[in-house]
């Protein structure tokens, strides 16, 4: 929707393409409406444009993924995600280094109040030119996105493509390396979270009724995703035929 009036192009307009805009419905009363605007109204509009979207997930750790520094090996980190909203939320991981990193689960759906510990795998490259451990921490980033979904919806990655205008970037996590030979609170916490994540994976492999979050686990996850995606695409084809 275009804004009434003539204005010069704003180079920062793309930053607000997801925000609502208001324009006068009656051009004859435009000047009168403009004169009646109060500072409070202008302030509320400004806040609606500048405030970040409300977050749906809480993270622990909140800003970083901690990995043991073992060059030449694949190492693991962990992060707990909790749905703090009143709706079901789909989440999805992305990384700047997809060839050397992957997440378990890479995505899923959490009911209100539910949580899951995601395990992140990363290959640590050998240092070059006497590169120190601290020099590598900012090279890889992990982005976690969220999307509000209806109860009972199955997770498929295409959800985020179809409703990309409603997707929220929850957090971008950096990488911090820990010395595995030097005990620290962060290292001990990482070990506890990894043990809890492994236990959750084993529990999901058992042929019991699903009681936890509907997340993509290791093992049969590829077959499960394939089955869900085939069902999803089949429904899309049926809807297309019906519409024609």
Protein backbone atom coordinates (compact mmCIF):
# COMPACT_ATOMS: atom_id res chain seq x y z
CA UNK A 1 0.00 0.00 0.00
CA UNK A 2 1.47 3.33 -1.02
CA UNK A 3 1.63 6.20 1.44
CA UNK A 4 -0.40 9.27 0.49
CA UNK A 5 1.62 12.30 -0.49
CA UNK A 6 4.86 12.89 -2.35
CA UNK A 7 8.08 11.88 -0.63
CA UNK A 8 11.63 11.26 -1.71
CA UNK A 9 12.65 7.58 -1.88
CA UNK A 10 13.90 6.30 1.43
CA UNK A 11 17.02 4.08 1.13
CA UNK A 12 16.02 2.30 4.33
CA UNK A 13 12.52 1.45 3.12
CA UNK A 14 13.40 -2.22 2.62
CA UNK A 15 14.06 -2.54 6.33
CA UNK A 16 10.38 -1.94 7.01
CA UNK A 17 8.79 -3.96 4.23
CA UNK A 18 7.13 -6.27 6.77
CA UNK A 19 5.62 -3.46 8.85
CA UNK A 20 2.06 -2.10 8.38
CA UNK A 21 1.66 1.32 6.84
CA UNK A 22 -1.27 3.71 7.15
CA UNK A 23 -2.70 6.12 4.61
CA UNK A 24 -5.73 8.36 4.53
CA UNK A 25 -8.84 6.93 2.93
CA UNK A 26 -10.28 10.39 2.07
CA UNK A 27 -7.96 12.73 0.23
CA UNK A 28 -10.31 15.68 0.72
CA UNK A 29 -9.89 15.49 4.50
CA UNK A 30 -6.18 14.74 4.41
CA UNK A 31 -5.04 18.13 5.65
CA UNK A 32 -7.64 18.10 8.44
CA UNK A 33 -6.58 14.59 9.57
CA UNK A 34 -2.93 15.62 9.52
CA UNK A 35 -3.63 18.61 11.73
CA UNK A 36 -5.50 16.42 14.21
CA UNK A 37 -2.58 13.99 14.71
CA UNK A 38 -1.28 14.09 18.23
CA UNK A 39 2.33 13.47 19.31
CA UNK A 40 1.14 10.32 21.06
CA UNK A 41 -0.23 8.87 17.79
CA UNK A 42 2.99 9.61 15.94
CA UNK A 43 4.97 8.06 18.77
CA UNK A 44 2.91 4.86 18.70
CA UNK A 45 3.39 4.54 14.93
CA UNK A 46 7.14 5.01 15.32
CA UNK A 47 7.28 2.32 17.99
CA UNK A 48 5.39 -0.12 15.78
CA UNK A 49 7.95 0.44 13.03
CA UNK A 50 11.07 0.26 15.14
CA UNK A 51 10.35 -2.42 17.73
CA UNK A 52 11.67 -5.90 16.87
CA UNK A 53 9.20 -8.78 16.45
CA UNK A 54 8.17 -10.61 19.58
CA UNK A 55 10.30 -13.67 20.25
CA UNK A 56 8.72 -17.09 20.61
CA UNK A 57 11.72 -19.13 21.73
CA UNK A 58 14.12 -18.97 24.66
CA UNK A 59 17.67 -20.28 24.30
CA UNK A 60 20.15 -21.79 26.73
CA UNK A 61 22.96 -20.85 26.14
CA UNK A 62 21.49 -17.59 24.94
CA UNK A 63 24.08 -16.18 22.53
CA UNK A 64 26.76 -18.75 21.70
CA UNK A 65 27.35 -22.38 20.88
CA UNK A 66 30.24 -23.84 22.86
CA UNK A 67 32.42 -26.49 21.21
CA UNK A 68 35.46 -28.35 22.58
CA UNK A 69 38.46 -27.31 20.54
CA UNK A 70 39.81 -30.48 18.94
CA UNK A 71 41.34 -29.70 15.52
CA UNK A 72 40.83 -32.39 12.89
CA UNK A 73 37.82 -33.89 14.69
CA UNK A 74 34.07 -33.60 14.61
CA UNK A 75 32.86 -32.07 17.87
CA UNK A 76 29.44 -31.40 19.37
CA UNK A 77 27.63 -28.54 21.03
CA UNK A 78 24.11 -28.24 22.42
CA UNK A 79 21.44 -25.61 22.89
CA UNK A 80 18.06 -25.85 24.58
CA UNK A 81 15.08 -24.27 22.80
CA UNK A 82 11.86 -23.60 24.71
CA UNK A 83 8.59 -22.35 23.29
CA UNK A 84 7.59 -19.45 25.52
CA UNK A 85 4.55 -18.45 23.45
CA UNK A 86 0.92 -19.56 23.74
CA UNK A 87 0.90 -21.14 20.26
CA UNK A 88 2.62 -24.03 18.53
CA UNK A 89 5.89 -22.90 16.99
CA UNK A 90 7.95 -24.39 14.20
CA UNK A 91 11.70 -23.82 14.34
CA UNK A 92 14.46 -24.26 11.80
CA UNK A 93 18.26 -24.11 11.89
CA UNK A 94 20.50 -22.59 9.26
CA UNK A 95 24.28 -22.28 9.22
CA UNK A 96 26.88 -20.39 7.25
CA UNK A 97 28.92 -23.61 6.97
CA UNK A 98 26.53 -26.36 5.78
CA UNK A 99 29.38 -28.55 4.52
CA UNK A 100 31.06 -28.85 7.91
CA UNK A 101 28.11 -28.40 10.30
CA UNK A 102 24.73 -29.96 10.80
CA UNK A 103 22.06 -29.91 13.48
CA UNK A 104 20.03 -32.64 15.18
CA UNK A 105 17.18 -31.91 14.91
CA UNK A 106 17.44 -29.41 12.04
CA UNK A 107 13.85 -28.35 12.68
CA UNK A 108 10.61 -29.30 14.34
CA UNK A 109 7.47 -28.10 16.10
CA UNK A 110 7.14 -27.29 19.78
CA UNK A 111 3.86 -26.98 21.63
CA UNK A 112 3.44 -24.14 24.15
CA UNK A 113 5.86 -24.65 27.03
CA UNK A 114 7.71 -27.53 25.34
CA UNK A 115 11.47 -27.61 24.97
CA UNK A 116 14.09 -29.62 23.15
CA UNK A 117 17.87 -29.81 23.27
CA UNK A 118 19.38 -29.58 19.82
CA UNK A 119 22.80 -31.08 19.15
CA UNK A 120 25.07 -29.24 16.73
CA UNK A 121 27.90 -31.08 15.00
CA UNK A 122 30.92 -29.24 13.64
CA UNK A 123 34.18 -30.30 12.06
CA UNK A 124 37.08 -28.32 13.49
CA UNK A 125 39.68 -27.55 10.88
CA UNK A 126 43.40 -27.63 11.54
CA UNK A 127 44.77 -24.16 12.37
CA UNK A 128 46.62 -22.28 9.67
CA UNK A 129 49.54 -19.91 10.10
CA UNK A 130 49.71 -20.49 13.86
CA UNK A 131 46.08 -19.46 14.21
CA UNK A 132 44.93 -19.44 17.82
CA UNK A 133 41.81 -21.05 19.19
CA UNK A 134 40.16 -17.68 19.86
CA UNK A 135 40.71 -16.53 16.26
CA UNK A 136 38.26 -19.12 14.88
CA UNK A 137 35.22 -18.39 17.03
CA UNK A 138 33.52 -15.87 14.72
CA UNK A 139 33.84 -17.71 11.42
CA UNK A 140 30.66 -19.79 11.67
CA UNK A 141 27.17 -18.60 12.56
CA UNK A 142 23.97 -20.47 13.27
CA UNK A 143 20.59 -18.86 12.65
CA UNK A 144 17.41 -20.14 14.27
CA UNK A 145 14.07 -19.08 12.79
CA UNK A 146 10.55 -19.55 14.11
CA UNK A 147 7.06 -19.63 12.66
CA UNK A 148 3.68 -19.74 14.39
CA UNK A 149 1.70 -22.79 13.23
CA UNK A 150 -1.63 -24.42 13.99
CA UNK A 151 -1.88 -27.35 16.36
CA UNK A 152 -1.52 -30.71 14.60
CA UNK A 153 0.53 -29.39 11.68
CA UNK A 154 3.37 -31.70 10.60
CA UNK A 155 6.81 -30.20 10.26
CA UNK A 156 8.21 -29.83 6.76
CA UNK A 157 10.92 -27.31 5.78
CA UNK A 158 8.62 -25.90 3.09
CA UNK A 159 6.54 -24.24 5.80
CA UNK A 160 9.19 -21.53 6.08
CA UNK A 161 9.24 -20.95 2.32
CA UNK A 162 5.47 -20.70 1.99
CA UNK A 163 5.07 -18.24 4.87
CA UNK A 164 8.37 -16.42 4.69
CA UNK A 165 6.73 -13.08 5.46
CA UNK A 166 5.69 -14.45 8.86
CA UNK A 167 9.04 -15.99 9.76
CA UNK A 168 10.94 -14.51 12.69
CA UNK A 169 14.72 -14.73 13.06
CA UNK A 170 14.95 -15.69 16.71
CA UNK A 171 18.68 -15.69 17.24
CA UNK A 172 22.03 -15.80 15.46
CA UNK A 173 24.44 -17.85 17.56
CA UNK A 174 28.18 -17.47 17.31
CA UNK A 175 30.79 -20.14 18.03
CA UNK A 176 33.04 -20.20 21.08
CA UNK A 177 35.69 -22.89 21.51
CA UNK A 178 36.50 -24.41 24.88
CA UNK A 179 39.71 -26.09 25.95
CA UNK A 180 38.65 -29.71 26.65
CA UNK A 181 41.63 -30.15 28.99
CA UNK A 182 40.72 -27.20 31.18
CA UNK A 183 37.59 -27.68 33.38
CA UNK A 184 35.12 -24.82 33.31
CA UNK A 185 31.42 -24.25 34.12
CA UNK A 186 30.64 -23.88 30.40
CA UNK A 187 32.31 -27.21 29.60
CA UNK A 188 30.49 -29.03 32.41
CA UNK A 189 27.18 -27.58 31.32
CA UNK A 190 27.85 -28.64 27.74
CA UNK A 191 28.50 -32.23 28.85
CA UNK A 192 25.22 -32.31 30.78
CA UNK A 193 23.22 -30.97 27.86
CA UNK A 194 24.81 -33.41 25.42
CA UNK A 195 24.01 -36.33 27.71
CA UNK A 196 20.41 -35.14 27.98
CA UNK A 197 20.15 -34.73 24.20
CA UNK A 198 21.51 -38.25 23.59
CA UNK A 199 19.03 -39.68 26.08
CA UNK A 200 16.17 -37.91 24.30
CA UNK A 201 17.26 -39.36 20.96
CA UNK A 202 17.30 -42.89 22.38
CA UNK A 203 13.86 -42.33 23.89
CA UNK A 204 12.45 -41.27 20.53
CA UNK A 205 13.80 -44.43 18.90
CA UNK A 206 11.71 -46.62 21.20
CA UNK A 207 8.35 -47.81 19.76
CA UNK A 208 6.36 -45.90 22.34
CA UNK A 209 3.70 -43.26 21.91
CA UNK A 210 5.04 -39.83 21.12
CA UNK A 211 5.15 -37.74 24.25
CA UNK A 212 7.76 -35.16 23.43
CA UNK A 213 8.14 -32.45 20.83
CA UNK A 214 7.54 -33.41 17.21
CA UNK A 215 11.13 -32.97 16.15
CA UNK A 216 13.28 -34.54 13.48
CA UNK A 217 15.55 -37.07 15.16
CA UNK A 218 18.57 -38.98 13.93
CA UNK A 219 18.34 -42.45 12.37
CA UNK A 220 15.06 -42.68 10.51
CA UNK A 221 14.69 -38.96 10.26
CA UNK A 222 15.45 -38.88 6.52
CA UNK A 223 12.80 -41.51 5.76
CA UNK A 224 10.35 -39.77 8.07
CA UNK A 225 10.93 -36.42 6.42
CA UNK A 226 10.59 -38.02 2.98
CA UNK A 227 7.27 -39.57 3.93
CA UNK A 228 5.95 -36.32 5.40
CA UNK A 229 7.11 -34.33 2.37
CA UNK A 230 5.45 -36.79 -0.05
CA UNK A 231 2.17 -36.50 1.87
CA UNK A 232 2.50 -32.73 1.90
CA UNK A 233 3.16 -32.52 -1.85
CA UNK A 234 0.27 -34.89 -2.53
CA UNK A 235 -2.08 -32.61 -0.59
CA UNK A 236 -0.79 -29.62 -2.55
CA UNK A 237 -1.49 -31.39 -5.85
CA UNK A 238 -5.01 -32.25 -4.75
CA UNK A 239 -5.67 -28.64 -3.76
CA UNK A 240 -4.32 -27.46 -7.13
CA UNK A 241 -6.61 -29.84 -9.05
CA UNK A 242 -9.63 -28.79 -6.96
CA UNK A 243 -8.94 -25.12 -7.58
CA UNK A 244 -8.76 -25.73 -11.35
